[in-house]
């Protein structure tokens, strides 16, 4: 097996190559085989931090087997603390940890025509530019690229760079990346080339094809494409991300205020039955249901609590296309779901299949790709993207459903309604919800 970690001090001296000063963590000497095995072992993502534990100082991340892991089959080596990709290998070298809000600085040098990328908030095992984000690292001088979403410093395929700022091949460059919520800024060699509000990206094709830029957190890494690319002097500064409970992030509206049931109403009939009522009948039925059944839903310590004895809770307003966030918690054996446009449902339950699937689908997939639930009694987070008739679901930052049609449960021959209410399904078991936010699209 080829050595993955090689420290070529003597070879560099014999070749007359300049040794650049870098900050290097002292490591236990590893054999090439041992280092390769460590880097190839997948490890669970660790959260970057918790509120109150953020660091305001810059920290180096040395290139070693402790802080990094292989994702795929990248072809790289480490020379005197410099990370070197050389050739046409495919794959990623990713941090062991996941990060949310941060600033990142690194220097890089490209050979003529070389191409690489910096992965941001990316999952393991998936294409970073689709399921996370990729900052393009490219020798712009090698060819004219008309699409400025693909030049050096751009958010690849999503957001263009304002100008070309990369230096000629063979020279060192410095890139500074700042990610705070949905704001991403990229400064290349002192030039601000990207200042992106990701919420402003509303193109349906981009949202469906590259939903990963909506992720809250993920791994940082390097994406090999072709040519020789070197990286050195990597450092990171994690940024505070403390937001009071039930306070929406930028671009979102709170559906639950954390104090009362404002904006919510009780179920009183299914959509086909409602459609047969006249306006006065609907109003009277809704008033009776609110008076009789809302008592089973209450607010306690900023949480929306269901006692298990009542019926569904439904938004007063209908919604069409949207991005929905919500936190949910069930007990052992719990069962619930989220209706989208009055249609069941994104599944919540204590079940080996896991939550997040489109449970009532018959013609299209109805199970999640993978189980990503935390154990009963712990909080889980859904992020649901509703575009046309298609649904994408992340559960605890894991993509469990991608671009799957939601079928019309009430009439299998009819298309999904263009808009409708969001329901919190009551299914006879206690439930808790909080942080319910929506971003209409």
Protein backbone atom coordinates (compact mmCIF):
# COMPACT_ATOMS: atom_id res chain seq x y z
CA UNK A 1 0.00 0.00 0.00
CA UNK A 2 1.26 3.48 -0.88
CA UNK A 3 2.11 5.61 2.06
CA UNK A 4 -0.50 8.24 2.77
CA UNK A 5 1.52 10.35 5.16
CA UNK A 6 5.07 11.09 4.00
CA UNK A 7 7.40 13.63 5.49
CA UNK A 8 10.16 14.29 2.97
CA UNK A 9 12.52 16.68 4.65
CA UNK A 10 15.68 15.24 3.15
CA UNK A 11 14.14 14.77 -0.29
CA UNK A 12 13.03 18.39 -0.30
CA UNK A 13 16.50 19.58 0.61
CA UNK A 14 18.14 17.43 -2.07
CA UNK A 15 15.71 18.74 -4.67
CA UNK A 16 16.35 22.31 -3.63
CA UNK A 17 12.69 22.91 -2.91
CA UNK A 18 11.76 25.79 -0.60
CA UNK A 19 10.41 24.72 2.77
CA UNK A 20 7.58 27.03 3.83
CA UNK A 21 7.08 27.53 7.57
CA UNK A 22 3.82 26.00 8.78
CA UNK A 23 2.31 25.24 12.15
CA UNK A 24 2.56 21.51 12.65
CA UNK A 25 1.10 19.49 15.47
CA UNK A 26 3.59 17.02 16.98
CA UNK A 27 2.37 13.55 16.07
CA UNK A 28 3.30 10.07 17.05
CA UNK A 29 5.19 8.53 14.13
CA UNK A 30 2.91 6.33 12.08
CA UNK A 31 3.73 3.75 9.49
CA UNK A 32 2.23 4.36 6.07
CA UNK A 33 -0.10 1.40 6.49
CA UNK A 34 -1.33 2.50 9.90
CA UNK A 35 -1.89 6.08 8.77
CA UNK A 36 -3.80 4.95 5.69
CA UNK A 37 -6.00 2.69 7.75
CA UNK A 38 -6.79 5.50 10.17
CA UNK A 39 -7.64 7.94 7.41
CA UNK A 40 -9.88 5.43 5.62
CA UNK A 41 -11.94 4.61 8.71
CA UNK A 42 -15.28 6.44 8.71
CA UNK A 43 -16.19 8.08 11.98
CA UNK A 44 -19.48 9.58 13.15
CA UNK A 45 -19.86 13.30 12.69
CA UNK A 46 -19.33 15.21 15.90
CA UNK A 47 -21.17 18.47 16.50
CA UNK A 48 -18.87 21.43 16.20
CA UNK A 49 -19.93 23.03 19.47
CA UNK A 50 -22.73 23.83 21.85
CA UNK A 51 -24.00 27.18 23.00
CA UNK A 52 -21.60 28.62 25.54
CA UNK A 53 -18.67 26.55 24.29
CA UNK A 54 -17.66 28.58 21.25
CA UNK A 55 -14.08 29.64 20.72
CA UNK A 56 -13.22 33.17 19.63
CA UNK A 57 -9.61 32.29 18.81
CA UNK A 58 -8.11 30.98 15.60
CA UNK A 59 -7.00 27.37 15.77
CA UNK A 60 -4.72 25.58 13.31
CA UNK A 61 -5.87 22.26 11.87
CA UNK A 62 -2.70 20.36 10.99
CA UNK A 63 -2.83 17.82 8.20
CA UNK A 64 -2.63 14.51 10.05
CA UNK A 65 -4.49 11.30 10.75
CA UNK A 66 -6.13 12.68 13.88
CA UNK A 67 -8.04 15.62 12.44
CA UNK A 68 -8.82 14.27 8.95
CA UNK A 69 -10.44 11.29 7.27
CA UNK A 70 -10.71 9.94 3.75
CA UNK A 71 -14.06 10.16 1.98
CA UNK A 72 -13.79 8.23 -1.26
CA UNK A 73 -10.36 7.66 -2.80
CA UNK A 74 -8.43 10.93 -3.03
CA UNK A 75 -4.79 10.75 -4.14
CA UNK A 76 -2.75 12.92 -1.83
CA UNK A 77 0.30 13.06 0.39
CA UNK A 78 1.72 15.36 3.04
CA UNK A 79 5.13 16.94 2.47
CA UNK A 80 6.60 18.97 5.32
CA UNK A 81 3.13 19.84 6.57
CA UNK A 82 1.87 20.82 3.11
CA UNK A 83 -1.13 18.87 1.78
CA UNK A 84 -0.46 17.89 -1.84
CA UNK A 85 -3.01 16.55 -4.32
CA UNK A 86 -1.42 15.35 -7.54
CA UNK A 87 -3.16 13.65 -10.44
CA UNK A 88 -6.69 12.78 -11.41
CA UNK A 89 -7.90 10.93 -8.32
CA UNK A 90 -11.45 11.32 -7.11
CA UNK A 91 -12.56 11.74 -3.55
CA UNK A 92 -12.36 14.03 -0.57
CA UNK A 93 -10.20 14.55 2.49
CA UNK A 94 -12.58 15.70 5.20
CA UNK A 95 -12.34 16.94 8.77
CA UNK A 96 -13.26 14.49 11.46
CA UNK A 97 -15.49 17.12 13.04
CA UNK A 98 -18.52 18.91 11.69
CA UNK A 99 -18.73 22.68 11.80
CA UNK A 100 -21.61 25.15 11.65
CA UNK A 101 -20.66 28.85 11.71
CA UNK A 102 -16.98 29.61 11.22
CA UNK A 103 -14.19 31.52 9.53
CA UNK A 104 -11.57 29.58 7.60
CA UNK A 105 -8.23 30.64 6.14
CA UNK A 106 -5.89 28.57 4.01
CA UNK A 107 -3.17 29.14 1.43
CA UNK A 108 -3.12 27.20 -1.83
CA UNK A 109 -0.95 26.88 -4.94
CA UNK A 110 -2.07 25.51 -8.31
CA UNK A 111 -0.21 23.96 -11.18
CA UNK A 112 -1.27 24.97 -14.70
CA UNK A 113 -4.82 23.79 -15.37
CA UNK A 114 -5.30 22.31 -11.88
CA UNK A 115 -8.73 21.96 -10.29
CA UNK A 116 -9.75 21.30 -6.67
CA UNK A 117 -12.39 22.48 -4.23
CA UNK A 118 -13.02 23.30 -0.58
CA UNK A 119 -16.05 21.50 0.86
CA UNK A 120 -18.20 23.40 3.37
CA UNK A 121 -20.89 21.93 5.66
CA UNK A 122 -20.74 18.74 3.62
CA UNK A 123 -21.87 15.24 4.62
CA UNK A 124 -19.64 12.21 4.27
CA UNK A 125 -20.21 9.82 1.40
CA UNK A 126 -21.97 12.31 -0.90
CA UNK A 127 -20.94 14.75 -3.60
CA UNK A 128 -20.04 17.89 -1.68
CA UNK A 129 -21.12 20.35 -4.37
CA UNK A 130 -24.68 18.91 -4.36
CA UNK A 131 -25.19 17.84 -0.77
CA UNK A 132 -23.05 20.50 0.90
CA UNK A 133 -21.20 23.39 -0.72
CA UNK A 134 -17.97 23.59 -2.71
CA UNK A 135 -15.78 26.66 -3.05
CA UNK A 136 -14.10 26.32 -6.43
CA UNK A 137 -10.27 26.18 -6.45
CA UNK A 138 -9.22 26.51 -10.09
CA UNK A 139 -6.48 27.83 -12.35
CA UNK A 140 -8.63 30.42 -14.11
CA UNK A 141 -5.78 31.26 -16.45
CA UNK A 142 -5.90 27.87 -18.11
CA UNK A 143 -9.19 28.46 -19.89
CA UNK A 144 -11.95 31.01 -20.22
CA UNK A 145 -14.93 29.98 -18.08
CA UNK A 146 -18.08 31.95 -18.99
CA UNK A 147 -20.05 30.63 -16.00
CA UNK A 148 -18.78 32.67 -13.05
CA UNK A 149 -20.31 30.12 -10.66
CA UNK A 150 -17.39 27.90 -11.71
CA UNK A 151 -14.39 30.24 -11.44
CA UNK A 152 -11.97 30.29 -8.51
CA UNK A 153 -13.62 31.40 -5.27
CA UNK A 154 -17.21 30.91 -6.45
CA UNK A 155 -19.71 28.64 -4.69
CA UNK A 156 -19.59 25.99 -7.38
CA UNK A 157 -22.77 25.77 -9.42
CA UNK A 158 -24.66 28.09 -7.08
CA UNK A 159 -23.26 31.58 -6.65
CA UNK A 160 -20.83 33.44 -8.93
CA UNK A 161 -17.58 35.11 -7.99
CA UNK A 162 -17.71 38.86 -8.62
CA UNK A 163 -14.26 38.89 -10.22
CA UNK A 164 -11.23 36.76 -11.00
CA UNK A 165 -8.66 37.14 -8.23
CA UNK A 166 -6.56 33.95 -8.36
CA UNK A 167 -2.85 34.43 -9.02
CA UNK A 168 -1.03 32.73 -11.91
CA UNK A 169 -0.21 29.04 -11.62
CA UNK A 170 2.78 28.40 -9.39
CA UNK A 171 2.10 31.29 -7.00
CA UNK A 172 0.62 31.01 -3.51
CA UNK A 173 -2.90 32.35 -2.87
CA UNK A 174 -4.75 33.11 0.37
CA UNK A 175 -8.47 32.43 0.69
CA UNK A 176 -10.66 33.51 3.62
CA UNK A 177 -14.14 31.97 3.95
CA UNK A 178 -16.77 33.14 6.41
CA UNK A 179 -20.00 31.16 6.97
CA UNK A 180 -22.63 32.55 9.34
CA UNK A 181 -26.06 31.03 8.91
CA UNK A 182 -27.08 31.55 5.30
CA UNK A 183 -24.44 34.24 4.67
CA UNK A 184 -21.26 33.05 2.92
CA UNK A 185 -18.39 35.42 2.16
CA UNK A 186 -15.22 34.55 0.26
CA UNK A 187 -12.16 36.79 0.08
CA UNK A 188 -9.42 35.71 -2.34
CA UNK A 189 -6.03 37.43 -2.16
CA UNK A 190 -7.61 40.40 -0.38
CA UNK A 191 -10.48 40.75 -2.91
CA UNK A 192 -14.05 40.07 -1.80
CA UNK A 193 -15.30 37.77 -4.55
CA UNK A 194 -18.44 36.32 -2.93
CA UNK A 195 -20.97 37.86 -0.53
CA UNK A 196 -23.90 35.48 -0.79
CA UNK A 197 -27.24 35.39 0.95
CA UNK A 198 -28.14 31.76 0.33
CA UNK A 199 -31.80 32.48 1.08
CA UNK A 200 -31.82 34.56 -2.10
CA UNK A 201 -31.24 31.41 -4.18
CA UNK A 202 -34.79 30.48 -5.15
CA UNK A 203 -34.28 28.87 -8.52
CA UNK A 204 -36.29 25.65 -8.34
CA UNK A 205 -33.79 23.65 -10.38
CA UNK A 206 -30.91 24.66 -8.12
CA UNK A 207 -32.91 23.94 -4.98
CA UNK A 208 -33.83 20.48 -6.22
CA UNK A 209 -30.44 19.62 -7.75
CA UNK A 210 -28.20 21.12 -5.03
CA UNK A 211 -30.18 21.16 -1.77
CA UNK A 212 -27.06 20.78 0.40
CA UNK A 213 -26.36 24.50 0.56
CA UNK A 214 -29.30 24.72 2.99
CA UNK A 215 -27.50 22.54 5.56
CA UNK A 216 -26.82 23.98 9.01
CA UNK A 217 -23.56 22.14 9.61
CA UNK A 218 -21.20 19.58 8.12
CA UNK A 219 -17.60 18.74 7.38
CA UNK A 220 -14.91 20.90 5.84
CA UNK A 221 -12.62 19.27 3.32
CA UNK A 222 -10.72 19.25 0.06
CA UNK A 223 -12.17 17.82 -3.15
CA UNK A 224 -9.73 16.39 -5.65
CA UNK A 225 -10.36 16.83 -9.37
CA UNK A 226 -7.15 17.04 -11.39
CA UNK A 227 -3.64 18.50 -11.42
CA UNK A 228 -1.26 19.35 -8.61
CA UNK A 229 -2.76 21.52 -5.85
CA UNK A 230 -1.03 22.32 -2.54
CA UNK A 231 -2.59 23.63 0.68
CA UNK A 232 -0.84 24.96 3.78
CA UNK A 233 -1.41 27.07 6.91
CA UNK A 234 -5.02 26.06 7.48
CA UNK A 235 -6.70 27.62 10.48
CA UNK A 236 -10.30 28.02 11.65
CA UNK A 237 -12.26 30.16 14.07
CA UNK A 238 -15.64 28.90 15.23
CA UNK A 239 -18.27 31.59 15.68
CA UNK A 240 -21.06 31.84 18.26
CA UNK A 241 -24.43 30.64 17.06
CA UNK A 242 -26.69 31.27 20.02
CA UNK A 243 -30.30 32.02 19.14
CA UNK A 244 -33.09 32.14 21.74
CA UNK A 245 -35.58 29.26 21.52
CA UNK A 246 -38.39 29.76 19.00
CA UNK A 247 -36.68 32.79 17.45
CA UNK A 248 -36.44 32.25 13.68
CA UNK A 249 -33.18 32.55 11.74
CA UNK A 250 -32.88 35.20 9.05
CA UNK A 251 -35.41 34.73 6.26
CA UNK A 252 -37.78 32.55 8.30
CA UNK A 253 -41.10 33.17 10.07
CA UNK A 254 -41.94 31.55 13.40
CA UNK A 255 -45.10 29.43 13.20
CA UNK A 256 -44.95 28.87 16.97
CA UNK A 257 -44.12 31.81 19.24
CA UNK A 258 -43.22 29.75 22.31
CA UNK A 259 -45.95 31.39 24.44
CA UNK A 260 -49.38 30.36 23.15
CA UNK A 261 -51.26 28.74 20.25
CA UNK A 262 -51.51 31.87 18.12
CA UNK A 263 -51.69 30.93 14.45
CA UNK A 264 -52.93 27.38 15.12
CA UNK A 265 -56.35 25.73 15.09
CA UNK A 266 -57.86 22.34 15.78
CA UNK A 267 -58.72 19.72 13.19
CA UNK A 268 -62.46 19.34 12.64
CA UNK A 269 -62.74 17.43 9.32
CA UNK A 270 -60.63 16.03 6.50
CA UNK A 271 -60.23 18.09 3.30
CA UNK A 272 -62.80 16.14 1.20
CA UNK A 273 -65.45 16.71 3.89
CA UNK A 274 -64.54 20.37 4.27
CA UNK A 275 -64.87 20.86 0.52
CA UNK A 276 -68.54 19.83 0.72
CA UNK A 277 -69.36 22.41 3.42
CA UNK A 278 -70.51 25.95 2.86
CA UNK A 279 -68.57 28.81 4.45
CA UNK A 280 -70.84 29.19 7.51
CA UNK A 281 -70.67 25.46 8.26
CA UNK A 282 -66.87 25.55 8.14
CA UNK A 283 -66.67 28.52 10.48
CA UNK A 284 -69.03 26.96 13.02
CA UNK A 285 -67.30 23.59 12.90
CA UNK A 286 -63.91 25.23 13.35
CA UNK A 287 -65.11 27.28 16.33
CA UNK A 288 -66.58 24.20 18.04
CA UNK A 289 -63.41 22.18 17.46
CA UNK A 290 -61.19 24.94 18.85
CA UNK A 291 -63.33 25.26 21.98
CA UNK A 292 -63.50 21.52 22.63
CA UNK A 293 -60.16 20.12 21.48
CA UNK A 294 -57.41 22.70 21.75
CA UNK A 295 -57.14 21.96 25.48
CA UNK A 296 -55.10 18.85 24.62
CA UNK A 297 -52.37 21.11 23.23
CA UNK A 298 -50.58 23.48 25.61
CA UNK A 299 -47.40 25.50 25.87
CA UNK A 300 -44.92 24.64 28.62
CA UNK A 301 -41.44 26.16 28.96
CA UNK A 302 -41.42 27.23 25.32
CA UNK A 303 -42.51 23.81 24.07
CA UNK A 304 -45.72 22.85 22.27
CA UNK A 305 -46.97 19.83 24.21
CA UNK A 306 -49.66 17.32 23.18
CA UNK A 307 -51.11 15.04 25.88
CA UNK A 308 -51.96 12.20 23.49
CA UNK A 309 -55.75 12.49 23.84
CA UNK A 310 -56.85 15.03 21.22
CA UNK A 311 -56.72 15.63 17.47
CA UNK A 312 -54.36 17.24 14.97
CA UNK A 313 -53.11 20.81 15.28
CA UNK A 314 -53.22 22.79 12.02
CA UNK A 315 -51.84 26.14 10.88
CA UNK A 316 -54.44 28.82 10.27
CA UNK A 317 -52.68 29.87 7.05
CA UNK A 318 -52.07 27.72 3.96
CA UNK A 319 -48.64 27.50 2.32
CA UNK A 320 -47.42 26.52 -1.13
CA UNK A 321 -43.69 26.03 -1.68
CA UNK A 322 -41.56 26.45 1.43
CA UNK A 323 -38.66 25.40 3.60
CA UNK A 324 -39.84 24.21 7.01
CA UNK A 325 -37.78 23.66 10.16
CA UNK A 326 -39.14 22.04 13.30
CA UNK A 327 -37.85 20.19 16.33
CA UNK A 328 -39.83 17.22 17.62
CA UNK A 329 -39.66 14.72 20.47
CA UNK A 330 -41.59 11.51 21.06
CA UNK A 331 -41.69 8.88 23.78
CA UNK A 332 -40.99 5.18 23.32
CA UNK A 333 -43.59 3.83 20.91
CA UNK A 334 -44.53 7.35 19.82
CA UNK A 335 -46.22 8.03 16.49
CA UNK A 336 -46.91 11.28 14.64
CA UNK A 337 -46.25 13.04 11.35
CA UNK A 338 -46.20 16.35 9.49
CA UNK A 339 -48.90 16.94 6.87
CA UNK A 340 -47.82 19.17 3.98
CA UNK A 341 -50.53 21.08 2.08
CA UNK A 342 -53.18 19.20 4.09
CA UNK A 343 -51.72 15.91 2.84
CA UNK A 344 -50.29 13.10 4.97
CA UNK A 345 -47.40 12.86 5.66
CA UNK A 346 -43.75 13.08 6.63
CA UNK A 347 -43.59 10.26 9.16
CA UNK A 348 -42.51 10.57 12.81
CA UNK A 349 -42.36 7.39 14.86
CA UNK A 350 -40.36 5.03 17.03
CA UNK A 351 -39.77 2.38 14.38
CA UNK A 352 -36.79 0.47 12.91
CA UNK A 353 -37.40 2.10 9.50
CA UNK A 354 -36.78 5.55 10.94
CA UNK A 355 -38.64 8.82 10.52
CA UNK A 356 -38.85 11.25 7.61
CA UNK A 357 -40.35 8.99 4.94
CA UNK A 358 -43.45 9.92 2.94
CA UNK A 359 -45.51 7.26 4.68
CA UNK A 360 -48.68 7.30 2.54
CA UNK A 361 -47.00 7.14 -0.86
CA UNK A 362 -47.98 4.13 -2.96
CA UNK A 363 -46.35 4.79 -6.35
CA UNK A 364 -43.22 6.57 -5.10
CA UNK A 365 -40.76 5.79 -2.28
CA UNK A 366 -42.31 6.00 1.18
CA UNK A 367 -39.36 5.07 3.41
CA UNK A 368 -36.33 7.11 4.42
CA UNK A 369 -32.97 6.31 2.86
CA UNK A 370 -31.48 5.71 6.29
CA UNK A 371 -32.58 5.86 9.90
CA UNK A 372 -31.34 9.11 11.43
CA UNK A 373 -33.59 9.34 14.50
CA UNK A 374 -32.24 10.03 17.93
CA UNK A 375 -33.63 7.79 20.70
CA UNK A 376 -37.10 8.51 22.09
CA UNK A 377 -36.96 11.27 24.68
CA UNK A 378 -34.35 13.26 22.72
CA UNK A 379 -34.94 16.15 20.36
CA UNK A 380 -34.82 15.66 16.61
CA UNK A 381 -34.81 18.29 13.86
CA UNK A 382 -36.58 18.13 10.52
CA UNK A 383 -35.75 20.44 7.64
CA UNK A 384 -38.32 19.93 4.91
CA UNK A 385 -38.15 21.45 1.44
CA UNK A 386 -41.46 21.50 -0.46
CA UNK A 387 -41.17 22.38 -4.16
CA UNK A 388 -44.14 21.72 -6.41
CA UNK A 389 -45.18 18.17 -5.60
CA UNK A 390 -41.70 17.12 -4.51
CA UNK A 391 -40.30 16.85 -1.00
CA UNK A 392 -36.77 16.76 0.39
CA UNK A 393 -36.25 15.92 4.08
CA UNK A 394 -33.23 16.18 6.33
CA UNK A 395 -33.41 14.58 9.77
CA UNK A 396 -30.69 15.66 12.18
CA UNK A 397 -28.65 16.95 9.20
CA UNK A 398 -28.91 13.58 7.40
CA UNK A 399 -30.63 13.54 4.01
CA UNK A 400 -33.36 10.91 4.36
CA UNK A 401 -35.63 11.87 1.42
CA UNK A 402 -34.48 13.65 -1.75
CA UNK A 403 -36.84 15.13 -4.30
CA UNK A 404 -39.62 12.54 -3.95
CA UNK A 405 -43.19 13.33 -5.10
CA UNK A 406 -45.76 13.49 -2.32
CA UNK A 407 -48.92 11.76 -3.54
CA UNK A 408 -52.41 13.12 -3.01
CA UNK A 409 -53.71 10.83 -0.27
CA UNK A 410 -57.30 12.06 -0.60
CA UNK A 411 -57.55 11.47 -4.36
CA UNK A 412 -54.82 9.34 -5.92
CA UNK A 413 -55.83 10.44 -9.42
CA UNK A 414 -55.52 14.16 -8.65
CA UNK A 415 -52.36 16.25 -8.41
CA UNK A 416 -51.20 17.54 -5.05
CA UNK A 417 -52.91 20.83 -4.11
CA UNK A 418 -50.85 23.90 -4.93
CA UNK A 419 -51.17 25.08 -1.34
CA UNK A 420 -52.54 23.88 1.96
CA UNK A 421 -52.08 23.86 5.69
CA UNK A 422 -49.34 22.27 7.78
CA UNK A 423 -50.56 19.76 10.34
CA UNK A 424 -48.95 18.35 13.47
CA UNK A 425 -50.47 14.89 13.51
CA UNK A 426 -52.08 13.53 16.68
CA UNK A 427 -51.85 9.75 16.76
CA UNK A 428 -52.66 8.84 20.36
CA UNK A 429 -49.20 9.35 21.87
CA UNK A 430 -47.68 12.34 23.69
CA UNK A 431 -45.63 14.75 21.55
CA UNK A 432 -43.46 17.83 21.92
CA UNK A 433 -42.53 20.44 19.31
CA UNK A 434 -40.48 23.63 19.32
CA UNK A 435 -38.57 25.90 16.92
CA UNK A 436 -41.15 25.69 14.13
CA UNK A 437 -40.04 28.04 11.35
CA UNK A 438 -41.11 28.45 7.74
CA UNK A 439 -39.59 30.25 4.75
CA UNK A 440 -42.13 30.63 1.96
CA UNK A 441 -40.59 30.26 -1.50
